[in-house]
């Protein structure tokens, strides 16, 4: 046996015929070129660069792109980056924790998050009615204005109707600027799902209205049906997760439902995740996309990459790189929500 030939063939298989040095030269470059060049690095820098390449590939095809958003990303300062992705249709659907959208609503109402300190005297902050999210401060008195805004919104709704969270978020976004996530989604026709409404200040505001005799029925199963229809009627699907949690599972389980009762495509064709969660604790937030293949949630041949790093570092770099590159999108899915079911078609961008 020719061992040297075998060894060389192994390298060719790994590198697709191209031997790539894990060194990128120093030169004048913008963020787009930097992140793209980082795909030649090892470790998480290489994963970050690869995630940009996978994202661009999604933009080249008829793909419905789902974004999952967990963690306190809006208070940390990522709100306008996410709004950009919705406004420019770099993604087509958002599934978020209620907290992110509550803080997004706050920003839309002029309630500001401030840079603070993680070393603050929390008992003193409590006396001053200042809430702390690691090193971010926000006025609790101001937050109560947003709670009241939600309560008043509930009072304007039809108590006999069952709403999906998508319907409610579309209505809330109507009067907000498109620098907010909710406002950008409304303007761009991007659906937003909040599968754990009660686990946030949305639930607080809704209970305030309930105690005054105004109830709203948020139908979580209607949410599951609507987002599954989106997956079933898409030519292909891609997923991008910022963090993990409920948003990640809510999007992932659509493939399981489709396999059981609908039109199953074999799983997501593209998958990206930015997370600090690790796989070896057994939680879904950090589980690998290879594990998802065993569930049929992701195709075994899918383009998939996970960047195990703080999303407040990775997401601004990748989104800014997308913006700077001016990378065009081939087509976008357009959603027509009807009582008889979702109508979905792809239109040239």
C-alpha atoms as a PDB file:
ATOM      1  CA  UNK A   1       0.000   0.000   0.000  1.00  0.00           C
ATOM      2  CA  UNK A   2       1.257   3.490  -0.879  1.00  0.00           C
ATOM      3  CA  UNK A   3       1.120   5.153   2.524  1.00  0.00           C
ATOM      4  CA  UNK A   4       2.241   8.558   1.227  1.00  0.00           C
ATOM      5  CA  UNK A   5      -0.594   8.579  -1.320  1.00  0.00           C
ATOM      6  CA  UNK A   6      -3.089   7.584   1.406  1.00  0.00           C
ATOM      7  CA  UNK A   7      -1.853  10.344   3.705  1.00  0.00           C
ATOM      8  CA  UNK A   8      -2.133  12.951   0.939  1.00  0.00           C
ATOM      9  CA  UNK A   9      -5.612  11.780   0.012  1.00  0.00           C
ATOM     10  CA  UNK A  10      -6.668  12.292   3.623  1.00  0.00           C
ATOM     11  CA  UNK A  11      -5.545  15.912   3.486  1.00  0.00           C
ATOM     12  CA  UNK A  12      -7.345  16.421   0.185  1.00  0.00           C
ATOM     13  CA  UNK A  13     -10.548  15.039   1.718  1.00  0.00           C
ATOM     14  CA  UNK A  14     -10.335  17.274   4.754  1.00  0.00           C
ATOM     15  CA  UNK A  15      -9.497  20.453   2.850  1.00  0.00           C
ATOM     16  CA  UNK A  16     -11.546  19.734  -0.290  1.00  0.00           C
ATOM     17  CA  UNK A  17      -8.369  19.605  -2.332  1.00  0.00           C
ATOM     18  CA  UNK A  18      -7.007  22.916  -0.991  1.00  0.00           C
ATOM     19  CA  UNK A  19      -4.491  23.219   1.810  1.00  0.00           C
ATOM     20  CA  UNK A  20      -5.391  26.381   3.740  1.00  0.00           C
ATOM     21  CA  UNK A  21      -2.927  28.011   6.142  1.00  0.00           C
ATOM     22  CA  UNK A  22      -4.353  29.013   9.524  1.00  0.00           C
ATOM     23  CA  UNK A  23      -2.696  32.405   9.237  1.00  0.00           C
ATOM     24  CA  UNK A  24      -4.326  35.545   7.889  1.00  0.00           C
ATOM     25  CA  UNK A  25      -2.041  38.406   6.862  1.00  0.00           C
ATOM     26  CA  UNK A  26      -2.194  41.876   8.387  1.00  0.00           C
ATOM     27  CA  UNK A  27      -3.495  44.482   5.931  1.00  0.00           C
ATOM     28  CA  UNK A  28      -5.915  47.385   5.617  1.00  0.00           C
ATOM     29  CA  UNK A  29      -9.413  45.864   5.572  1.00  0.00           C
ATOM     30  CA  UNK A  30     -12.980  46.535   6.598  1.00  0.00           C
ATOM     31  CA  UNK A  31     -15.140  44.385   8.869  1.00  0.00           C
ATOM     32  CA  UNK A  32     -16.610  42.410   5.932  1.00  0.00           C
ATOM     33  CA  UNK A  33     -13.163  41.355   4.678  1.00  0.00           C
ATOM     34  CA  UNK A  34     -11.906  40.681   8.203  1.00  0.00           C
ATOM     35  CA  UNK A  35     -14.752  38.327   9.149  1.00  0.00           C
ATOM     36  CA  UNK A  36     -14.539  36.590   5.767  1.00  0.00           C
ATOM     37  CA  UNK A  37     -10.767  36.117   6.157  1.00  0.00           C
ATOM     38  CA  UNK A  38     -11.291  34.741   9.663  1.00  0.00           C
ATOM     39  CA  UNK A  39     -12.848  31.636   8.075  1.00  0.00           C
ATOM     40  CA  UNK A  40      -9.241  30.571   7.416  1.00  0.00           C
ATOM     41  CA  UNK A  41      -8.438  30.622  11.159  1.00  0.00           C
ATOM     42  CA  UNK A  42      -8.649  27.795  13.649  1.00  0.00           C
ATOM     43  CA  UNK A  43     -10.906  27.596  16.706  1.00  0.00           C
ATOM     44  CA  UNK A  44     -13.884  29.944  17.146  1.00  0.00           C
ATOM     45  CA  UNK A  45     -12.457  32.661  14.899  1.00  0.00           C
ATOM     46  CA  UNK A  46     -12.621  30.192  12.046  1.00  0.00           C
ATOM     47  CA  UNK A  47     -16.155  29.219  13.019  1.00  0.00           C
ATOM     48  CA  UNK A  48     -17.171  32.892  13.035  1.00  0.00           C
ATOM     49  CA  UNK A  49     -15.858  33.433   9.511  1.00  0.00           C
ATOM     50  CA  UNK A  50     -17.509  30.240   8.301  1.00  0.00           C
ATOM     51  CA  UNK A  51     -20.857  31.347   9.757  1.00  0.00           C
ATOM     52  CA  UNK A  52     -20.760  34.435   7.514  1.00  0.00           C
ATOM     53  CA  UNK A  53     -20.137  32.234   4.474  1.00  0.00           C
ATOM     54  CA  UNK A  54     -23.044  29.927   5.381  1.00  0.00           C
ATOM     55  CA  UNK A  55     -25.345  32.933   5.919  1.00  0.00           C
ATOM     56  CA  UNK A  56     -24.414  34.269   2.455  1.00  0.00           C
ATOM     57  CA  UNK A  57     -25.181  30.878   0.898  1.00  0.00           C
ATOM     58  CA  UNK A  58     -28.682  31.044   2.376  1.00  0.00           C
ATOM     59  CA  UNK A  59     -29.184  34.417   0.698  1.00  0.00           C
ATOM     60  CA  UNK A  60     -28.346  32.837  -2.683  1.00  0.00           C
ATOM     61  CA  UNK A  61     -31.267  30.387  -2.714  1.00  0.00           C
ATOM     62  CA  UNK A  62     -35.022  30.173  -2.132  1.00  0.00           C
ATOM     63  CA  UNK A  63     -34.727  29.714   1.628  1.00  0.00           C
ATOM     64  CA  UNK A  64     -36.933  30.817   4.525  1.00  0.00           C
ATOM     65  CA  UNK A  65     -34.533  31.930   7.270  1.00  0.00           C
ATOM     66  CA  UNK A  66     -35.645  31.625  10.908  1.00  0.00           C
ATOM     67  CA  UNK A  67     -33.879  33.592  13.650  1.00  0.00           C
ATOM     68  CA  UNK A  68     -34.053  32.501  17.291  1.00  0.00           C
ATOM     69  CA  UNK A  69     -33.212  35.164  19.871  1.00  0.00           C
ATOM     70  CA  UNK A  70     -32.597  34.322  23.549  1.00  0.00           C
ATOM     71  CA  UNK A  71     -30.721  36.027  26.361  1.00  0.00           C
ATOM     72  CA  UNK A  72     -30.831  39.732  27.251  1.00  0.00           C
ATOM     73  CA  UNK A  73     -29.591  40.825  23.843  1.00  0.00           C
ATOM     74  CA  UNK A  74     -31.639  44.025  23.534  1.00  0.00           C
ATOM     75  CA  UNK A  75     -30.565  45.473  26.901  1.00  0.00           C
ATOM     76  CA  UNK A  76     -26.981  44.589  25.945  1.00  0.00           C
ATOM     77  CA  UNK A  77     -27.296  46.757  22.825  1.00  0.00           C
ATOM     78  CA  UNK A  78     -28.022  44.382  19.926  1.00  0.00           C
ATOM     79  CA  UNK A  79     -31.545  45.678  19.222  1.00  0.00           C
ATOM     80  CA  UNK A  80     -30.725  47.757  16.153  1.00  0.00           C
ATOM     81  CA  UNK A  81     -28.606  44.940  14.688  1.00  0.00           C
ATOM     82  CA  UNK A  82     -31.588  42.582  14.900  1.00  0.00           C
ATOM     83  CA  UNK A  83     -33.899  45.287  13.509  1.00  0.00           C
ATOM     84  CA  UNK A  84     -31.537  45.654  10.537  1.00  0.00           C
ATOM     85  CA  UNK A  85     -31.727  41.922   9.806  1.00  0.00           C
ATOM     86  CA  UNK A  86     -35.537  42.093   9.718  1.00  0.00           C
ATOM     87  CA  UNK A  87     -35.760  45.392   7.841  1.00  0.00           C
ATOM     88  CA  UNK A  88     -33.336  44.258   5.120  1.00  0.00           C
ATOM     89  CA  UNK A  89     -34.728  40.699   5.041  1.00  0.00           C
ATOM     90  CA  UNK A  90     -31.516  38.950   5.965  1.00  0.00           C
ATOM     91  CA  UNK A  91     -33.937  36.772   7.990  1.00  0.00           C
ATOM     92  CA  UNK A  92     -37.642  36.033   7.433  1.00  0.00           C
ATOM     93  CA  UNK A  93     -39.045  35.062  10.828  1.00  0.00           C
ATOM     94  CA  UNK A  94     -38.100  35.843  14.418  1.00  0.00           C
ATOM     95  CA  UNK A  95     -38.759  33.659  17.452  1.00  0.00           C
ATOM     96  CA  UNK A  96     -37.791  35.483  20.631  1.00  0.00           C
ATOM     97  CA  UNK A  97     -38.049  35.389  24.375  1.00  0.00           C
ATOM     98  CA  UNK A  98     -40.643  37.853  25.632  1.00  0.00           C
ATOM     99  CA  UNK A  99     -37.976  39.743  27.561  1.00  0.00           C
ATOM    100  CA  UNK A 100     -36.070  40.834  24.446  1.00  0.00           C
ATOM    101  CA  UNK A 101     -39.239  42.198  22.871  1.00  0.00           C
ATOM    102  CA  UNK A 102     -40.330  43.883  26.094  1.00  0.00           C
ATOM    103  CA  UNK A 103     -37.025  45.745  26.241  1.00  0.00           C
ATOM    104  CA  UNK A 104     -37.383  46.489  22.513  1.00  0.00           C
ATOM    105  CA  UNK A 105     -40.823  47.976  23.227  1.00  0.00           C
ATOM    106  CA  UNK A 106     -39.212  50.061  25.968  1.00  0.00           C
ATOM    107  CA  UNK A 107     -36.674  51.467  23.511  1.00  0.00           C
ATOM    108  CA  UNK A 108     -39.520  52.271  21.122  1.00  0.00           C
ATOM    109  CA  UNK A 109     -41.304  54.164  23.903  1.00  0.00           C
ATOM    110  CA  UNK A 110     -38.173  56.168  24.736  1.00  0.00           C
ATOM    111  CA  UNK A 111     -37.175  54.106  27.776  1.00  0.00           C
ATOM    112  CA  UNK A 112     -33.392  53.894  27.643  1.00  0.00           C
ATOM    113  CA  UNK A 113     -30.938  51.209  28.805  1.00  0.00           C
ATOM    114  CA  UNK A 114     -27.735  52.672  30.242  1.00  0.00           C
ATOM    115  CA  UNK A 115     -24.202  51.383  30.633  1.00  0.00           C
ATOM    116  CA  UNK A 116     -23.701  50.735  34.339  1.00  0.00           C
ATOM    117  CA  UNK A 117     -21.422  48.512  36.379  1.00  0.00           C
ATOM    118  CA  UNK A 118     -21.467  44.879  37.449  1.00  0.00           C
ATOM    119  CA  UNK A 119     -19.812  45.992  40.731  1.00  0.00           C
ATOM    120  CA  UNK A 120     -22.651  48.261  41.833  1.00  0.00           C
ATOM    121  CA  UNK A 121     -24.251  48.205  45.309  1.00  0.00           C
ATOM    122  CA  UNK A 122     -27.455  46.348  44.424  1.00  0.00           C
ATOM    123  CA  UNK A 123     -29.236  47.229  47.666  1.00  0.00           C
ATOM    124  CA  UNK A 124     -28.631  50.903  46.874  1.00  0.00           C
ATOM    125  CA  UNK A 125     -29.812  50.391  43.272  1.00  0.00           C
ATOM    126  CA  UNK A 126     -32.986  48.885  44.689  1.00  0.00           C
ATOM    127  CA  UNK A 127     -33.547  51.954  46.845  1.00  0.00           C
ATOM    128  CA  UNK A 128     -33.085  54.133  43.755  1.00  0.00           C
ATOM    129  CA  UNK A 129     -35.485  51.959  41.711  1.00  0.00           C
ATOM    130  CA  UNK A 130     -32.757  51.017  39.234  1.00  0.00           C
ATOM    131  CA  UNK A 131     -32.753  47.473  37.845  1.00  0.00           C
ATOM    132  CA  UNK A 132     -29.444  45.840  36.871  1.00  0.00           C
ATOM    133  CA  UNK A 133     -28.773  43.344  34.067  1.00  0.00           C
ATOM    134  CA  UNK A 134     -25.087  42.554  34.672  1.00  0.00           C
ATOM    135  CA  UNK A 135     -23.561  45.947  33.745  1.00  0.00           C
ATOM    136  CA  UNK A 136     -26.697  47.486  32.210  1.00  0.00           C
ATOM    137  CA  UNK A 137     -29.006  49.786  34.210  1.00  0.00           C
ATOM    138  CA  UNK A 138     -32.652  50.662  33.512  1.00  0.00           C
ATOM    139  CA  UNK A 139     -35.157  52.645  35.567  1.00  0.00           C
ATOM    140  CA  UNK A 140     -37.808  50.464  37.197  1.00  0.00           C
ATOM    141  CA  UNK A 141     -40.216  53.411  37.217  1.00  0.00           C
ATOM    142  CA  UNK A 142     -39.751  53.733  33.447  1.00  0.00           C
ATOM    143  CA  UNK A 143     -40.265  49.984  32.980  1.00  0.00           C
ATOM    144  CA  UNK A 144     -43.637  50.301  34.714  1.00  0.00           C
ATOM    145  CA  UNK A 145     -44.671  52.712  31.929  1.00  0.00           C
ATOM    146  CA  UNK A 146     -44.106  49.866  29.461  1.00  0.00           C
ATOM    147  CA  UNK A 147     -46.088  47.484  31.682  1.00  0.00           C
ATOM    148  CA  UNK A 148     -48.976  49.965  31.587  1.00  0.00           C
ATOM    149  CA  UNK A 149     -48.611  50.313  27.805  1.00  0.00           C
ATOM    150  CA  UNK A 150     -49.078  46.540  27.458  1.00  0.00           C
ATOM    151  CA  UNK A 151     -52.050  46.583  29.832  1.00  0.00           C
ATOM    152  CA  UNK A 152     -53.713  49.332  27.797  1.00  0.00           C
ATOM    153  CA  UNK A 153     -52.969  47.418  24.585  1.00  0.00           C
ATOM    154  CA  UNK A 154     -54.764  44.358  25.980  1.00  0.00           C
ATOM    155  CA  UNK A 155     -57.806  46.506  26.802  1.00  0.00           C
ATOM    156  CA  UNK A 156     -58.088  47.375  23.087  1.00  0.00           C
ATOM    157  CA  UNK A 157     -58.313  43.712  22.002  1.00  0.00           C
ATOM    158  CA  UNK A 158     -61.321  41.485  21.341  1.00  0.00           C
ATOM    159  CA  UNK A 159     -61.707  39.271  24.456  1.00  0.00           C
ATOM    160  CA  UNK A 160     -63.635  36.646  22.460  1.00  0.00           C
ATOM    161  CA  UNK A 161     -60.822  36.072  19.967  1.00  0.00           C
ATOM    162  CA  UNK A 162     -57.863  33.702  20.231  1.00  0.00           C
ATOM    163  CA  UNK A 163     -54.687  35.439  19.092  1.00  0.00           C
ATOM    164  CA  UNK A 164     -51.390  33.924  18.089  1.00  0.00           C
ATOM    165  CA  UNK A 165     -48.368  35.790  19.447  1.00  0.00           C
ATOM    166  CA  UNK A 166     -47.528  36.611  15.821  1.00  0.00           C
ATOM    167  CA  UNK A 167     -50.781  38.574  15.459  1.00  0.00           C
ATOM    168  CA  UNK A 168     -50.197  40.483  18.690  1.00  0.00           C
ATOM    169  CA  UNK A 169     -46.579  41.398  17.873  1.00  0.00           C
ATOM    170  CA  UNK A 170     -47.627  42.641  14.427  1.00  0.00           C
ATOM    171  CA  UNK A 171     -50.210  44.917  16.052  1.00  0.00           C
ATOM    172  CA  UNK A 172     -47.798  46.220  18.692  1.00  0.00           C
ATOM    173  CA  UNK A 173     -45.179  47.045  16.049  1.00  0.00           C
ATOM    174  CA  UNK A 174     -47.513  49.272  14.025  1.00  0.00           C
ATOM    175  CA  UNK A 175     -46.663  52.531  15.823  1.00  0.00           C
ATOM    176  CA  UNK A 176     -43.012  51.831  16.666  1.00  0.00           C
ATOM    177  CA  UNK A 177     -39.991  53.112  14.681  1.00  0.00           C
ATOM    178  CA  UNK A 178     -38.238  50.693  12.339  1.00  0.00           C
ATOM    179  CA  UNK A 179     -35.069  51.022  14.420  1.00  0.00           C
ATOM    180  CA  UNK A 180     -36.877  48.729  16.868  1.00  0.00           C
ATOM    181  CA  UNK A 181     -37.310  45.010  16.262  1.00  0.00           C
ATOM    182  CA  UNK A 182     -41.100  45.213  16.525  1.00  0.00           C
ATOM    183  CA  UNK A 183     -41.326  48.231  14.240  1.00  0.00           C
ATOM    184  CA  UNK A 184     -38.947  46.795  11.641  1.00  0.00           C
ATOM    185  CA  UNK A 185     -40.808  43.462  11.585  1.00  0.00           C
ATOM    186  CA  UNK A 186     -44.175  45.189  11.078  1.00  0.00           C
ATOM    187  CA  UNK A 187     -42.839  47.276   8.197  1.00  0.00           C
ATOM    188  CA  UNK A 188     -41.030  44.371   6.494  1.00  0.00           C
ATOM    189  CA  UNK A 189     -43.812  41.809   6.953  1.00  0.00           C
ATOM    190  CA  UNK A 190     -41.613  39.538   9.086  1.00  0.00           C
ATOM    191  CA  UNK A 191     -43.589  37.414  11.568  1.00  0.00           C
ATOM    192  CA  UNK A 192     -42.508  37.375  15.212  1.00  0.00           C
ATOM    193  CA  UNK A 193     -43.408  34.498  17.545  1.00  0.00           C
ATOM    194  CA  UNK A 194     -43.110  34.623  21.345  1.00  0.00           C
ATOM    195  CA  UNK A 195     -43.726  31.059  22.563  1.00  0.00           C
ATOM    196  CA  UNK A 196     -43.238  31.897  26.273  1.00  0.00           C
ATOM    197  CA  UNK A 197     -45.281  35.093  26.587  1.00  0.00           C
ATOM    198  CA  UNK A 198     -46.033  34.640  30.281  1.00  0.00           C
ATOM    199  CA  UNK A 199     -42.347  34.315  31.135  1.00  0.00           C
ATOM    200  CA  UNK A 200     -41.692  38.035  30.689  1.00  0.00           C
ATOM    201  CA  UNK A 201     -43.112  41.482  31.371  1.00  0.00           C
ATOM    202  CA  UNK A 202     -45.661  40.869  28.625  1.00  0.00           C
ATOM    203  CA  UNK A 203     -47.247  38.465  31.076  1.00  0.00           C
ATOM    204  CA  UNK A 204     -47.060  41.086  33.834  1.00  0.00           C
ATOM    205  CA  UNK A 205     -48.852  43.702  31.734  1.00  0.00           C
ATOM    206  CA  UNK A 206     -51.462  41.185  30.633  1.00  0.00           C
ATOM    207  CA  UNK A 207     -52.184  40.164  34.227  1.00  0.00           C
ATOM    208  CA  UNK A 208     -52.561  43.847  35.167  1.00  0.00           C
ATOM    209  CA  UNK A 209     -55.284  44.090  32.502  1.00  0.00           C
ATOM    210  CA  UNK A 210     -56.814  40.785  33.643  1.00  0.00           C
ATOM    211  CA  UNK A 211     -57.186  42.053  37.227  1.00  0.00           C
ATOM    212  CA  UNK A 212     -59.144  44.987  35.786  1.00  0.00           C
ATOM    213  CA  UNK A 213     -61.492  42.648  33.926  1.00  0.00           C
ATOM    214  CA  UNK A 214     -59.763  42.652  30.519  1.00  0.00           C
ATOM    215  CA  UNK A 215     -58.457  39.285  29.350  1.00  0.00           C
ATOM    216  CA  UNK A 216     -56.658  38.233  26.176  1.00  0.00           C
ATOM    217  CA  UNK A 217     -56.344  34.658  24.948  1.00  0.00           C
ATOM    218  CA  UNK A 218     -52.865  34.006  23.541  1.00  0.00           C
ATOM    219  CA  UNK A 219     -53.089  30.660  21.780  1.00  0.00           C
ATOM    220  CA  UNK A 220     -49.714  28.929  22.049  1.00  0.00           C
ATOM    221  CA  UNK A 221     -50.854  25.980  19.939  1.00  0.00           C
ATOM    222  CA  UNK A 222     -51.898  28.383  17.165  1.00  0.00           C
ATOM    223  CA  UNK A 223     -48.287  29.617  17.287  1.00  0.00           C
ATOM    224  CA  UNK A 224     -46.985  26.083  16.833  1.00  0.00           C
ATOM    225  CA  UNK A 225     -49.320  25.486  13.897  1.00  0.00           C
ATOM    226  CA  UNK A 226     -48.483  28.776  12.167  1.00  0.00           C
ATOM    227  CA  UNK A 227     -44.708  28.417  12.329  1.00  0.00           C
ATOM    228  CA  UNK A 228     -44.926  24.775  11.259  1.00  0.00           C
ATOM    229  CA  UNK A 229     -46.947  25.837   8.217  1.00  0.00           C
ATOM    230  CA  UNK A 230     -44.115  28.226   7.362  1.00  0.00           C
ATOM    231  CA  UNK A 231     -41.648  25.339   7.399  1.00  0.00           C
ATOM    232  CA  UNK A 232     -43.916  22.979   5.457  1.00  0.00           C
ATOM    233  CA  UNK A 233     -44.549  25.510   2.679  1.00  0.00           C
ATOM    234  CA  UNK A 234     -40.941  26.662   2.302  1.00  0.00           C
ATOM    235  CA  UNK A 235     -38.711  25.471  -0.532  1.00  0.00           C
ATOM    236  CA  UNK A 236     -35.880  25.153   2.012  1.00  0.00           C
ATOM    237  CA  UNK A 237     -35.317  26.356   5.558  1.00  0.00           C
ATOM    238  CA  UNK A 238     -32.328  27.800   7.352  1.00  0.00           C
ATOM    239  CA  UNK A 239     -31.979  28.555  11.060  1.00  0.00           C
ATOM    240  CA  UNK A 240     -29.830  31.057  12.948  1.00  0.00           C
ATOM    241  CA  UNK A 241     -29.772  30.948  16.741  1.00  0.00           C
ATOM    242  CA  UNK A 242     -28.486  33.717  18.992  1.00  0.00           C
ATOM    243  CA  UNK A 243     -28.321  31.813  22.251  1.00  0.00           C
ATOM    244  CA  UNK A 244     -30.554  28.781  22.669  1.00  0.00           C
ATOM    245  CA  UNK A 245     -33.453  28.294  25.066  1.00  0.00           C
ATOM    246  CA  UNK A 246     -37.120  28.209  24.112  1.00  0.00           C
ATOM    247  CA  UNK A 247     -36.656  30.005  20.745  1.00  0.00           C
ATOM    248  CA  UNK A 248     -34.199  27.359  19.540  1.00  0.00           C
ATOM    249  CA  UNK A 249     -36.406  24.417  20.464  1.00  0.00           C
ATOM    250  CA  UNK A 250     -39.559  26.120  19.173  1.00  0.00           C
ATOM    251  CA  UNK A 251     -37.998  26.429  15.718  1.00  0.00           C
ATOM    252  CA  UNK A 252     -36.307  23.020  15.810  1.00  0.00           C
ATOM    253  CA  UNK A 253     -39.475  21.120  16.730  1.00  0.00           C
ATOM    254  CA  UNK A 254     -41.258  22.283  13.558  1.00  0.00           C
ATOM    255  CA  UNK A 255     -39.368  19.587  11.667  1.00  0.00           C
ATOM    256  CA  UNK A 256     -40.560  16.899  14.077  1.00  0.00           C
ATOM    257  CA  UNK A 257     -44.167  18.089  13.676  1.00  0.00           C
ATOM    258  CA  UNK A 258     -43.838  18.212   9.889  1.00  0.00           C
ATOM    259  CA  UNK A 259     -42.547  14.644   9.861  1.00  0.00           C
ATOM    260  CA  UNK A 260     -45.477  13.472  11.980  1.00  0.00           C
ATOM    261  CA  UNK A 261     -48.366  15.258  10.306  1.00  0.00           C
ATOM    262  CA  UNK A 262     -47.228  17.415   7.417  1.00  0.00           C
ATOM    263  CA  UNK A 263     -44.964  17.906   4.440  1.00  0.00           C
ATOM    264  CA  UNK A 264     -41.515  16.936   5.727  1.00  0.00           C
ATOM    265  CA  UNK A 265     -38.428  18.121   3.834  1.00  0.00           C
ATOM    266  CA  UNK A 266     -35.929  16.085   5.838  1.00  0.00           C
ATOM    267  CA  UNK A 267     -34.811  18.865   8.166  1.00  0.00           C
ATOM    268  CA  UNK A 268     -33.263  22.323   7.947  1.00  0.00           C
ATOM    269  CA  UNK A 269     -30.786  22.814   5.086  1.00  0.00           C
ATOM    270  CA  UNK A 270     -28.700  25.487   6.844  1.00  0.00           C
ATOM    271  CA  UNK A 271     -27.963  26.027  10.540  1.00  0.00           C
ATOM    272  CA  UNK A 272     -25.908  28.627  12.433  1.00  0.00           C
ATOM    273  CA  UNK A 273     -25.657  29.249  16.177  1.00  0.00           C
ATOM    274  CA  UNK A 274     -23.857  31.817  18.325  1.00  0.00           C
ATOM    275  CA  UNK A 275     -23.816  30.631  21.936  1.00  0.00           C
ATOM    276  CA  UNK A 276     -21.764  30.318  25.108  1.00  0.00           C
ATOM    277  CA  UNK A 277     -23.605  27.107  26.051  1.00  0.00           C
ATOM    278  CA  UNK A 278     -21.634  23.880  25.795  1.00  0.00           C
ATOM    279  CA  UNK A 279     -22.923  20.513  24.530  1.00  0.00           C
ATOM    280  CA  UNK A 280     -21.527  18.327  27.304  1.00  0.00           C
ATOM    281  CA  UNK A 281     -24.057  19.494  29.945  1.00  0.00           C
ATOM    282  CA  UNK A 282     -26.824  17.858  27.918  1.00  0.00           C
ATOM    283  CA  UNK A 283     -28.979  20.961  27.452  1.00  0.00           C
ATOM    284  CA  UNK A 284     -30.629  21.866  24.160  1.00  0.00           C
ATOM    285  CA  UNK A 285     -29.126  25.378  24.193  1.00  0.00           C
ATOM    286  CA  UNK A 286     -25.636  24.010  23.637  1.00  0.00           C
ATOM    287  CA  UNK A 287     -26.399  20.773  21.821  1.00  0.00           C
ATOM    288  CA  UNK A 288     -24.676  20.341  18.470  1.00  0.00           C
ATOM    289  CA  UNK A 289     -26.402  20.342  15.101  1.00  0.00           C
ATOM    290  CA  UNK A 290     -24.989  16.835  14.654  1.00  0.00           C
ATOM    291  CA  UNK A 291     -27.193  15.809  17.591  1.00  0.00           C
ATOM    292  CA  UNK A 292     -30.123  17.515  15.842  1.00  0.00           C
ATOM    293  CA  UNK A 293     -29.489  15.278  12.806  1.00  0.00           C
ATOM    294  CA  UNK A 294     -30.383  12.262  14.974  1.00  0.00           C
ATOM    295  CA  UNK A 295     -33.796  13.841  15.605  1.00  0.00           C
ATOM    296  CA  UNK A 296     -34.354  14.638  11.937  1.00  0.00           C
ATOM    297  CA  UNK A 297     -34.375  18.374  12.711  1.00  0.00           C
ATOM    298  CA  UNK A 298     -31.340  19.135  10.541  1.00  0.00           C
ATOM    299  CA  UNK A 299     -30.386  17.370   7.304  1.00  0.00           C
ATOM    300  CA  UNK A 300     -27.245  15.283   7.575  1.00  0.00           C
ATOM    301  CA  UNK A 301     -25.824  17.099   4.534  1.00  0.00           C
ATOM    302  CA  UNK A 302     -26.822  20.555   5.843  1.00  0.00           C
ATOM    303  CA  UNK A 303     -24.342  23.423   5.949  1.00  0.00           C
ATOM    304  CA  UNK A 304     -24.023  23.914   9.693  1.00  0.00           C
ATOM    305  CA  UNK A 305     -21.708  25.832  11.997  1.00  0.00           C
ATOM    306  CA  UNK A 306     -21.729  26.743  15.688  1.00  0.00           C
ATOM    307  CA  UNK A 307     -19.696  29.585  17.151  1.00  0.00           C
ATOM    308  CA  UNK A 308     -19.124  28.998  20.842  1.00  0.00           C
ATOM    309  CA  UNK A 309     -18.575  32.588  21.943  1.00  0.00           C
ATOM    310  CA  UNK A 310     -20.417  35.558  23.465  1.00  0.00           C
ATOM    311  CA  UNK A 311     -23.106  36.714  21.015  1.00  0.00           C
ATOM    312  CA  UNK A 312     -22.491  40.362  21.986  1.00  0.00           C
ATOM    313  CA  UNK A 313     -19.066  39.920  20.330  1.00  0.00           C
ATOM    314  CA  UNK A 314     -19.890  37.670  17.383  1.00  0.00           C
ATOM    315  CA  UNK A 315     -23.264  38.981  16.195  1.00  0.00           C
ATOM    316  CA  UNK A 316     -22.222  42.644  15.707  1.00  0.00           C
ATOM    317  CA  UNK A 317     -19.219  41.488  13.657  1.00  0.00           C
ATOM    318  CA  UNK A 318     -21.229  39.186  11.397  1.00  0.00           C
ATOM    319  CA  UNK A 319     -24.178  41.559  10.913  1.00  0.00           C
ATOM    320  CA  UNK A 320     -21.858  44.498  10.217  1.00  0.00           C
ATOM    321  CA  UNK A 321     -19.963  42.297   7.730  1.00  0.00           C
ATOM    322  CA  UNK A 322     -23.244  41.438   5.973  1.00  0.00           C
ATOM    323  CA  UNK A 323     -24.110  45.126   5.770  1.00  0.00           C
ATOM    324  CA  UNK A 324     -20.671  46.219   4.541  1.00  0.00           C
ATOM    325  CA  UNK A 325     -20.456  43.476   1.920  1.00  0.00           C
ATOM    326  CA  UNK A 326     -23.755  44.571   0.388  1.00  0.00           C
ATOM    327  CA  UNK A 327     -24.390  40.920  -0.351  1.00  0.00           C
ATOM    328  CA  UNK A 328     -27.658  40.674  -2.322  1.00  0.00           C
ATOM    329  CA  UNK A 329     -30.522  38.324  -1.657  1.00  0.00           C
ATOM    330  CA  UNK A 330     -31.964  36.233  -4.469  1.00  0.00           C
ATOM    331  CA  UNK A 331     -35.534  36.099  -3.214  1.00  0.00           C
ATOM    332  CA  UNK A 332     -37.628  36.572  -0.093  1.00  0.00           C
ATOM    333  CA  UNK A 333     -40.634  34.577   1.091  1.00  0.00           C
ATOM    334  CA  UNK A 334     -43.842  36.600   1.258  1.00  0.00           C
ATOM    335  CA  UNK A 335     -46.457  35.475   3.784  1.00  0.00           C
ATOM    336  CA  UNK A 336     -50.201  35.797   3.317  1.00  0.00           C
ATOM    337  CA  UNK A 337     -51.901  34.809   6.572  1.00  0.00           C
ATOM    338  CA  UNK A 338     -55.463  33.557   6.026  1.00  0.00           C
ATOM    339  CA  UNK A 339     -57.999  31.657   8.117  1.00  0.00           C
ATOM    340  CA  UNK A 340     -57.740  28.786   5.653  1.00  0.00           C
ATOM    341  CA  UNK A 341     -53.976  28.582   6.116  1.00  0.00           C
ATOM    342  CA  UNK A 342     -50.754  30.330   5.189  1.00  0.00           C
ATOM    343  CA  UNK A 343     -49.966  31.193   1.574  1.00  0.00           C
ATOM    344  CA  UNK A 344     -46.213  31.476   0.924  1.00  0.00           C
ATOM    345  CA  UNK A 345     -44.418  32.479  -2.255  1.00  0.00           C
ATOM    346  CA  UNK A 346     -40.881  33.618  -3.082  1.00  0.00           C
ATOM    347  CA  UNK A 347     -40.439  36.980  -4.778  1.00  0.00           C
ATOM    348  CA  UNK A 348     -37.293  38.404  -6.348  1.00  0.00           C
ATOM    349  CA  UNK A 349     -35.572  40.815  -3.985  1.00  0.00           C
END
